[in-house]
Amino acid sequence: MTEIAQRVAGFEGQLRHAGLRMTQQRRLILRVLAEADDHPDAKGIFTRAFAHDPTLSLSTVYRTMKLLETQGAIERHAFEDGISRYEHADQEHHDHLIDIDSGEVIEFSSDAIEELQRRIAAELGYELVRHRLELYGRKKRPVTRPKKG
């Protein structure tokens, strides 16, 4: 079974566990979400799924995303742009760098940052339970220098 098929099956299992029936539209939304390698918002998921089923409504996407979030199958991120974006909850912990010009979300991991966060929490008398780190930036533009001549 492929990783995408496993993810879809996991999503379906979580929705069934919540007592929900699996409709073709929900399956389509789950497949689109499972195939996403970015951090789509509900409208992006809707656009991708609508291309396969023009009877799909945006409200169905919103309801399905809320159900998956409630079940812990996906994580919702509300970055500074105010748009909720989603990603699979079955990923290893990582942080995000958001390009403020393009909106691109870049995932990264850093053992040094993780250790520093644990150390800061310990110094303040806490055990770190969870955290979320979001960095916002823009790509550096190369400096062009006039040619000598």
N, C-alpha and C. Protein backbone atom coordinates (compact mmCIF):
# COMPACT_ATOMS: atom_id res chain seq x y z
N MET A 1 0.85 -1.17 0.00
CA MET A 1 0.00 0.00 0.00
C MET A 1 0.90 1.24 0.00
N THR A 2 0.61 2.19 -0.86
CA THR A 2 1.42 3.40 -0.95
C THR A 2 1.19 4.30 0.27
N GLU A 3 2.10 5.25 0.44
CA GLU A 3 1.96 6.19 1.57
C GLU A 3 0.66 6.98 1.46
N ILE A 4 0.30 7.38 0.25
CA ILE A 4 -0.94 8.14 0.06
C ILE A 4 -2.15 7.28 0.39
N ALA A 5 -2.15 6.02 -0.09
CA ALA A 5 -3.26 5.11 0.20
C ALA A 5 -3.36 4.85 1.70
N GLN A 6 -2.22 4.72 2.38
CA GLN A 6 -2.24 4.52 3.83
C GLN A 6 -2.82 5.74 4.54
N ARG A 7 -2.43 6.92 4.07
CA ARG A 7 -2.92 8.16 4.68
C ARG A 7 -4.44 8.28 4.48
N VAL A 8 -4.92 7.98 3.26
CA VAL A 8 -6.36 8.04 2.99
C VAL A 8 -7.09 7.05 3.89
N ALA A 9 -6.56 5.84 4.00
CA ALA A 9 -7.19 4.82 4.86
C ALA A 9 -7.22 5.29 6.31
N GLY A 10 -6.15 5.93 6.75
CA GLY A 10 -6.12 6.46 8.12
C GLY A 10 -7.16 7.54 8.34
N PHE A 11 -7.27 8.46 7.37
CA PHE A 11 -8.28 9.52 7.46
C PHE A 11 -9.69 8.90 7.50
N GLU A 12 -9.93 7.94 6.61
CA GLU A 12 -11.25 7.28 6.57
C GLU A 12 -11.55 6.61 7.90
N GLY A 13 -10.56 5.92 8.45
CA GLY A 13 -10.76 5.24 9.74
C GLY A 13 -11.11 6.22 10.85
N GLN A 14 -10.46 7.37 10.85
CA GLN A 14 -10.75 8.35 11.89
C GLN A 14 -12.15 8.93 11.74
N LEU A 15 -12.58 9.15 10.51
CA LEU A 15 -13.94 9.66 10.31
C LEU A 15 -14.98 8.60 10.66
N ARG A 16 -14.71 7.35 10.29
CA ARG A 16 -15.65 6.27 10.65
C ARG A 16 -15.72 6.11 12.17
N HIS A 17 -14.57 6.21 12.82
CA HIS A 17 -14.51 6.11 14.29
C HIS A 17 -15.37 7.21 14.93
N ALA A 18 -15.46 8.35 14.27
CA ALA A 18 -16.29 9.45 14.77
C ALA A 18 -17.76 9.24 14.43
N GLY A 19 -18.07 8.10 13.77
CA GLY A 19 -19.45 7.78 13.45
C GLY A 19 -19.95 8.37 12.14
N LEU A 20 -19.04 8.77 11.29
CA LEU A 20 -19.45 9.40 10.03
C LEU A 20 -19.36 8.40 8.88
N ARG A 21 -20.28 8.52 7.96
CA ARG A 21 -20.22 7.64 6.79
C ARG A 21 -19.29 8.25 5.76
N MET A 22 -18.73 7.39 4.94
CA MET A 22 -17.79 7.84 3.92
C MET A 22 -18.53 8.03 2.60
N THR A 23 -18.66 9.27 2.20
CA THR A 23 -19.27 9.58 0.92
C THR A 23 -18.16 9.68 -0.13
N GLN A 24 -18.54 9.65 -1.40
CA GLN A 24 -17.56 9.80 -2.47
C GLN A 24 -16.87 11.16 -2.38
N GLN A 25 -17.63 12.21 -2.02
CA GLN A 25 -17.02 13.53 -1.91
C GLN A 25 -16.02 13.59 -0.77
N ARG A 26 -16.34 12.97 0.36
CA ARG A 26 -15.37 12.94 1.46
C ARG A 26 -14.12 12.17 1.05
N ARG A 27 -14.31 11.05 0.36
CA ARG A 27 -13.15 10.28 -0.11
C ARG A 27 -12.27 11.12 -1.03
N LEU A 28 -12.89 11.89 -1.91
CA LEU A 28 -12.15 12.74 -2.82
C LEU A 28 -11.36 13.79 -2.04
N ILE A 29 -11.99 14.42 -1.08
CA ILE A 29 -11.30 15.42 -0.24
C ILE A 29 -10.14 14.78 0.49
N LEU A 30 -10.33 13.60 1.02
CA LEU A 30 -9.27 12.89 1.74
C LEU A 30 -8.11 12.57 0.81
N ARG A 31 -8.41 12.16 -0.42
CA ARG A 31 -7.35 11.85 -1.37
C ARG A 31 -6.57 13.11 -1.73
N VAL A 32 -7.27 14.20 -2.00
CA VAL A 32 -6.60 15.47 -2.33
C VAL A 32 -5.69 15.88 -1.18
N LEU A 33 -6.19 15.78 0.02
CA LEU A 33 -5.40 16.15 1.20
C LEU A 33 -4.21 15.21 1.36
N ALA A 34 -4.41 13.93 1.16
CA ALA A 34 -3.32 12.96 1.30
C ALA A 34 -2.23 13.17 0.26
N GLU A 35 -2.61 13.65 -0.92
CA GLU A 35 -1.64 13.88 -1.99
C GLU A 35 -0.91 15.21 -1.85
N ALA A 36 -1.43 16.10 -1.02
CA ALA A 36 -0.84 17.44 -0.91
C ALA A 36 0.55 17.37 -0.28
N ASP A 37 1.50 18.00 -0.96
CA ASP A 37 2.85 18.09 -0.40
C ASP A 37 3.16 19.53 0.01
N ASP A 38 2.10 20.32 0.07
CA ASP A 38 2.23 21.71 0.51
C ASP A 38 1.31 21.91 1.71
N HIS A 39 0.96 23.12 2.00
CA HIS A 39 0.08 23.44 3.12
C HIS A 39 -1.16 24.13 2.56
N PRO A 40 -2.06 23.36 1.94
CA PRO A 40 -3.20 23.99 1.27
C PRO A 40 -4.22 24.54 2.27
N ASP A 41 -4.93 25.58 1.84
CA ASP A 41 -6.06 26.06 2.61
C ASP A 41 -7.30 25.35 2.09
N ALA A 42 -8.45 25.59 2.73
CA ALA A 42 -9.67 24.90 2.33
C ALA A 42 -10.05 25.22 0.88
N LYS A 43 -9.85 26.46 0.46
CA LYS A 43 -10.19 26.82 -0.92
C LYS A 43 -9.27 26.10 -1.91
N GLY A 44 -8.01 25.94 -1.56
CA GLY A 44 -7.10 25.20 -2.42
C GLY A 44 -7.49 23.73 -2.54
N ILE A 45 -7.89 23.14 -1.41
CA ILE A 45 -8.35 21.75 -1.43
C ILE A 45 -9.61 21.65 -2.28
N PHE A 46 -10.52 22.61 -2.09
CA PHE A 46 -11.75 22.64 -2.87
C PHE A 46 -11.45 22.72 -4.37
N THR A 47 -10.55 23.61 -4.76
CA THR A 47 -10.22 23.78 -6.18
C THR A 47 -9.67 22.49 -6.77
N ARG A 48 -8.79 21.83 -6.03
CA ARG A 48 -8.20 20.58 -6.52
C ARG A 48 -9.26 19.48 -6.65
N ALA A 49 -10.15 19.39 -5.65
CA ALA A 49 -11.17 18.35 -5.66
C ALA A 49 -12.28 18.66 -6.67
N PHE A 50 -12.63 19.94 -6.79
CA PHE A 50 -13.69 20.36 -7.71
C PHE A 50 -13.36 19.98 -9.15
N ALA A 51 -12.08 19.95 -9.48
CA ALA A 51 -11.66 19.56 -10.83
C ALA A 51 -12.08 18.12 -11.14
N HIS A 52 -12.28 17.30 -10.10
CA HIS A 52 -12.68 15.90 -10.28
C HIS A 52 -14.18 15.69 -10.04
N ASP A 53 -14.79 16.62 -9.28
CA ASP A 53 -16.22 16.51 -8.98
C ASP A 53 -16.84 17.90 -8.86
N PRO A 54 -17.41 18.39 -9.95
CA PRO A 54 -17.97 19.74 -9.93
C PRO A 54 -19.24 19.88 -9.09
N THR A 55 -19.73 18.80 -8.48
CA THR A 55 -20.88 18.92 -7.58
C THR A 55 -20.45 19.19 -6.15
N LEU A 56 -19.15 19.17 -5.90
CA LEU A 56 -18.61 19.40 -4.55
C LEU A 56 -18.85 20.85 -4.13
N SER A 57 -19.17 21.03 -2.85
CA SER A 57 -19.34 22.39 -2.33
C SER A 57 -18.19 22.74 -1.39
N LEU A 58 -17.90 24.02 -1.30
CA LEU A 58 -16.86 24.48 -0.39
C LEU A 58 -17.22 24.17 1.05
N SER A 59 -18.50 24.23 1.39
CA SER A 59 -18.91 23.94 2.78
C SER A 59 -18.62 22.48 3.14
N THR A 60 -18.71 21.57 2.18
CA THR A 60 -18.36 20.16 2.44
C THR A 60 -16.87 20.05 2.78
N VAL A 61 -16.05 20.81 2.08
CA VAL A 61 -14.61 20.80 2.36
C VAL A 61 -14.37 21.34 3.77
N TYR A 62 -14.96 22.48 4.10
CA TYR A 62 -14.78 23.06 5.44
C TYR A 62 -15.22 22.09 6.54
N ARG A 63 -16.38 21.46 6.36
CA ARG A 63 -16.87 20.51 7.37
C ARG A 63 -15.93 19.33 7.52
N THR A 64 -15.45 18.80 6.39
CA THR A 64 -14.56 17.65 6.42
C THR A 64 -13.23 18.01 7.10
N MET A 65 -12.69 19.19 6.79
CA MET A 65 -11.43 19.62 7.41
C MET A 65 -11.61 19.78 8.92
N LYS A 66 -12.74 20.33 9.34
CA LYS A 66 -13.01 20.51 10.77
C LYS A 66 -13.09 19.15 11.47
N LEU A 67 -13.74 18.19 10.83
CA LEU A 67 -13.84 16.85 11.40
C LEU A 67 -12.47 16.20 11.52
N LEU A 68 -11.66 16.31 10.49
CA LEU A 68 -10.32 15.72 10.52
C LEU A 68 -9.45 16.39 11.58
N GLU A 69 -9.61 17.69 11.73
CA GLU A 69 -8.85 18.39 12.76
C GLU A 69 -9.29 17.94 14.15
N THR A 70 -10.59 17.83 14.36
CA THR A 70 -11.13 17.38 15.65
C THR A 70 -10.63 15.98 16.00
N GLN A 71 -10.49 15.13 14.98
CA GLN A 71 -10.03 13.76 15.19
C GLN A 71 -8.51 13.66 15.32
N GLY A 72 -7.80 14.76 15.10
CA GLY A 72 -6.35 14.76 15.21
C GLY A 72 -5.63 14.22 13.99
N ALA A 73 -6.35 14.10 12.87
CA ALA A 73 -5.75 13.56 11.65
C ALA A 73 -4.94 14.62 10.90
N ILE A 74 -5.33 15.87 11.05
CA ILE A 74 -4.62 16.97 10.40
C ILE A 74 -4.34 18.06 11.43
N GLU A 75 -3.40 18.90 11.09
CA GLU A 75 -3.11 20.07 11.92
C GLU A 75 -3.47 21.30 11.12
N ARG A 76 -4.08 22.25 11.80
CA ARG A 76 -4.43 23.52 11.17
C ARG A 76 -3.42 24.56 11.63
N HIS A 77 -2.90 25.30 10.68
CA HIS A 77 -1.98 26.39 10.99
C HIS A 77 -2.63 27.70 10.55
N ALA A 78 -2.61 28.67 11.41
CA ALA A 78 -3.10 30.01 11.05
C ALA A 78 -1.90 30.93 11.05
N PHE A 79 -1.22 31.00 9.92
CA PHE A 79 -0.06 31.86 9.80
C PHE A 79 -0.52 33.32 9.77
N GLU A 80 0.41 34.24 9.72
CA GLU A 80 0.09 35.66 9.81
C GLU A 80 -0.90 36.16 8.77
N ASP A 81 -1.01 35.47 7.64
CA ASP A 81 -1.93 35.95 6.60
C ASP A 81 -3.38 35.70 6.97
N GLY A 82 -3.62 35.01 8.10
CA GLY A 82 -4.98 34.78 8.58
C GLY A 82 -5.70 33.63 7.91
N ILE A 83 -5.07 32.98 6.95
CA ILE A 83 -5.70 31.87 6.24
C ILE A 83 -5.30 30.57 6.92
N SER A 84 -6.28 29.75 7.26
CA SER A 84 -5.98 28.45 7.86
C SER A 84 -5.45 27.52 6.80
N ARG A 85 -4.29 26.93 7.07
CA ARG A 85 -3.67 25.97 6.16
C ARG A 85 -3.55 24.65 6.91
N TYR A 86 -3.54 23.58 6.15
CA TYR A 86 -3.59 22.25 6.75
C TYR A 86 -2.41 21.39 6.32
N GLU A 87 -2.04 20.48 7.22
CA GLU A 87 -1.05 19.47 6.89
C GLU A 87 -1.37 18.20 7.67
N HIS A 88 -0.82 17.10 7.22
CA HIS A 88 -1.06 15.80 7.84
C HIS A 88 -0.45 15.79 9.24
N ALA A 89 -1.14 15.21 10.18
CA ALA A 89 -0.65 15.15 11.56
C ALA A 89 0.33 14.00 11.76
N ASP A 90 0.47 13.13 10.77
CA ASP A 90 1.33 11.95 10.93
C ASP A 90 2.79 12.24 10.59
N GLN A 91 3.16 13.49 10.46
CA GLN A 91 4.53 13.83 10.12
C GLN A 91 5.36 13.99 11.39
N GLU A 92 6.67 13.85 11.22
CA GLU A 92 7.57 14.12 12.34
C GLU A 92 7.51 15.61 12.65
N HIS A 93 7.85 15.96 13.88
CA HIS A 93 7.82 17.37 14.27
C HIS A 93 8.74 18.19 13.36
N HIS A 94 8.26 19.35 12.99
CA HIS A 94 9.05 20.28 12.19
C HIS A 94 8.53 21.69 12.44
N ASP A 95 9.30 22.65 12.02
CA ASP A 95 8.92 24.04 12.16
C ASP A 95 8.70 24.63 10.77
N HIS A 96 8.28 25.88 10.71
CA HIS A 96 7.94 26.49 9.43
C HIS A 96 8.61 27.83 9.25
N LEU A 97 9.06 28.07 8.02
CA LEU A 97 9.53 29.37 7.58
C LEU A 97 8.57 29.82 6.48
N ILE A 98 7.95 30.97 6.68
CA ILE A 98 6.96 31.46 5.74
C ILE A 98 7.55 32.64 4.98
N ASP A 99 7.56 32.55 3.65
CA ASP A 99 8.05 33.62 2.80
C ASP A 99 6.93 34.67 2.73
N ILE A 100 7.17 35.87 3.27
CA ILE A 100 6.12 36.87 3.36
C ILE A 100 5.77 37.49 2.00
N ASP A 101 6.62 37.29 1.01
CA ASP A 101 6.31 37.82 -0.32
C ASP A 101 5.47 36.84 -1.14
N SER A 102 5.83 35.56 -1.10
CA SER A 102 5.14 34.58 -1.94
C SER A 102 4.10 33.77 -1.17
N GLY A 103 4.19 33.72 0.16
CA GLY A 103 3.30 32.89 0.95
C GLY A 103 3.76 31.45 1.04
N GLU A 104 4.88 31.11 0.39
CA GLU A 104 5.40 29.75 0.42
C GLU A 104 5.72 29.36 1.86
N VAL A 105 5.37 28.12 2.23
CA VAL A 105 5.65 27.59 3.56
C VAL A 105 6.73 26.52 3.42
N ILE A 106 7.86 26.75 4.10
CA ILE A 106 9.00 25.84 4.01
C ILE A 106 9.13 25.13 5.36
N GLU A 107 9.14 23.82 5.32
CA GLU A 107 9.31 23.02 6.54
C GLU A 107 10.79 22.82 6.80
N PHE A 108 11.17 22.87 8.07
CA PHE A 108 12.56 22.59 8.42
C PHE A 108 12.62 22.01 9.83
N SER A 109 13.72 21.35 10.12
CA SER A 109 13.97 20.80 11.46
C SER A 109 15.38 21.21 11.86
N SER A 110 15.55 21.47 13.15
CA SER A 110 16.87 21.84 13.66
C SER A 110 17.03 21.27 15.07
N ASP A 111 17.96 20.35 15.22
CA ASP A 111 18.24 19.80 16.55
C ASP A 111 18.68 20.89 17.50
N ALA A 112 19.45 21.86 17.01
CA ALA A 112 19.94 22.95 17.87
C ALA A 112 18.78 23.78 18.41
N ILE A 113 17.80 24.09 17.57
CA ILE A 113 16.63 24.86 18.03
C ILE A 113 15.83 24.04 19.03
N GLU A 114 15.64 22.77 18.75
CA GLU A 114 14.87 21.91 19.68
C GLU A 114 15.54 21.88 21.05
N GLU A 115 16.85 21.70 21.08
CA GLU A 115 17.58 21.66 22.34
C GLU A 115 17.50 23.00 23.06
N LEU A 116 17.64 24.08 22.35
CA LEU A 116 17.55 25.41 22.96
C LEU A 116 16.17 25.63 23.58
N GLN A 117 15.12 25.22 22.93
CA GLN A 117 13.77 25.38 23.47
C GLN A 117 13.59 24.55 24.74
N ARG A 118 14.09 23.31 24.74
CA ARG A 118 14.01 22.47 25.95
C ARG A 118 14.79 23.11 27.10
N ARG A 119 15.98 23.64 26.77
CA ARG A 119 16.82 24.26 27.80
C ARG A 119 16.16 25.51 28.38
N ILE A 120 15.59 26.33 27.53
CA ILE A 120 14.90 27.54 28.02
C ILE A 120 13.74 27.15 28.93
N ALA A 121 12.93 26.19 28.52
CA ALA A 121 11.81 25.74 29.35
C ALA A 121 12.32 25.24 30.69
N ALA A 122 13.38 24.42 30.68
CA ALA A 122 13.94 23.87 31.93
C ALA A 122 14.46 24.98 32.83
N GLU A 123 15.16 25.96 32.25
CA GLU A 123 15.68 27.07 33.05
C GLU A 123 14.57 27.88 33.71
N LEU A 124 13.41 27.87 33.10
CA LEU A 124 12.26 28.58 33.66
C LEU A 124 11.39 27.67 34.53
N GLY A 125 11.85 26.43 34.73
CA GLY A 125 11.15 25.50 35.61
C GLY A 125 10.04 24.71 34.95
N TYR A 126 10.13 24.54 33.63
CA TYR A 126 9.10 23.83 32.90
C TYR A 126 9.67 22.65 32.13
N GLU A 127 8.81 21.69 31.90
CA GLU A 127 9.10 20.61 30.97
C GLU A 127 8.33 20.93 29.70
N LEU A 128 9.00 20.99 28.59
CA LEU A 128 8.36 21.33 27.32
C LEU A 128 7.46 20.18 26.88
N VAL A 129 6.19 20.48 26.65
CA VAL A 129 5.22 19.48 26.24
C VAL A 129 5.02 19.51 24.73
N ARG A 130 4.86 20.70 24.18
CA ARG A 130 4.74 20.87 22.73
C ARG A 130 5.07 22.32 22.42
N HIS A 131 5.34 22.55 21.17
CA HIS A 131 5.61 23.92 20.74
C HIS A 131 5.40 24.03 19.24
N ARG A 132 5.34 25.26 18.79
CA ARG A 132 5.20 25.55 17.38
C ARG A 132 6.07 26.76 17.09
N LEU A 133 6.93 26.64 16.10
CA LEU A 133 7.81 27.74 15.73
C LEU A 133 7.53 28.15 14.29
N GLU A 134 7.26 29.43 14.12
CA GLU A 134 7.03 29.98 12.79
C GLU A 134 7.99 31.15 12.60
N LEU A 135 8.75 31.09 11.54
CA LEU A 135 9.64 32.18 11.18
C LEU A 135 9.08 32.83 9.91
N TYR A 136 9.17 34.14 9.85
CA TYR A 136 8.68 34.88 8.69
C TYR A 136 9.85 35.64 8.08
N GLY A 137 9.99 35.55 6.77
CA GLY A 137 11.10 36.23 6.13
C GLY A 137 10.88 36.39 4.65
N ARG A 138 11.86 36.98 4.03
CA ARG A 138 11.85 37.09 2.57
C ARG A 138 13.22 36.71 2.07
N LYS A 139 13.24 36.20 0.85
CA LYS A 139 14.51 35.78 0.27
C LYS A 139 15.41 36.98 0.11
N LYS A 140 16.67 36.76 0.42
CA LYS A 140 17.65 37.81 0.20
C LYS A 140 17.87 37.96 -1.29
N ARG A 141 17.97 39.16 -1.71
CA ARG A 141 18.25 39.43 -3.11
C ARG A 141 19.75 39.67 -3.25
N PRO A 142 20.36 39.08 -4.26
CA PRO A 142 21.80 39.28 -4.43
C PRO A 142 22.10 40.76 -4.66
N VAL A 143 23.18 41.20 -4.09
CA VAL A 143 23.61 42.57 -4.26
C VAL A 143 24.33 42.67 -5.60
N THR A 144 23.88 43.58 -6.42
CA THR A 144 24.57 43.78 -7.70
C THR A 144 25.43 45.01 -7.59
N ARG A 145 26.64 44.86 -7.98
CA ARG A 145 27.58 45.97 -7.89
C ARG A 145 27.93 46.43 -9.29
N PRO A 146 28.07 47.72 -9.45
CA PRO A 146 28.43 48.22 -10.78
C PRO A 146 29.80 47.71 -11.20
N LYS A 147 29.93 47.43 -12.46
CA LYS A 147 31.19 46.96 -12.99
C LYS A 147 32.18 48.13 -13.05
N LYS A 148 33.40 47.81 -12.72
CA LYS A 148 34.45 48.83 -12.81
C LYS A 148 34.85 48.98 -14.26
N GLY A 149 35.12 50.14 -14.64
CA GLY A 149 35.53 50.23 -16.02
C GLY A 149 35.68 51.55 -16.55
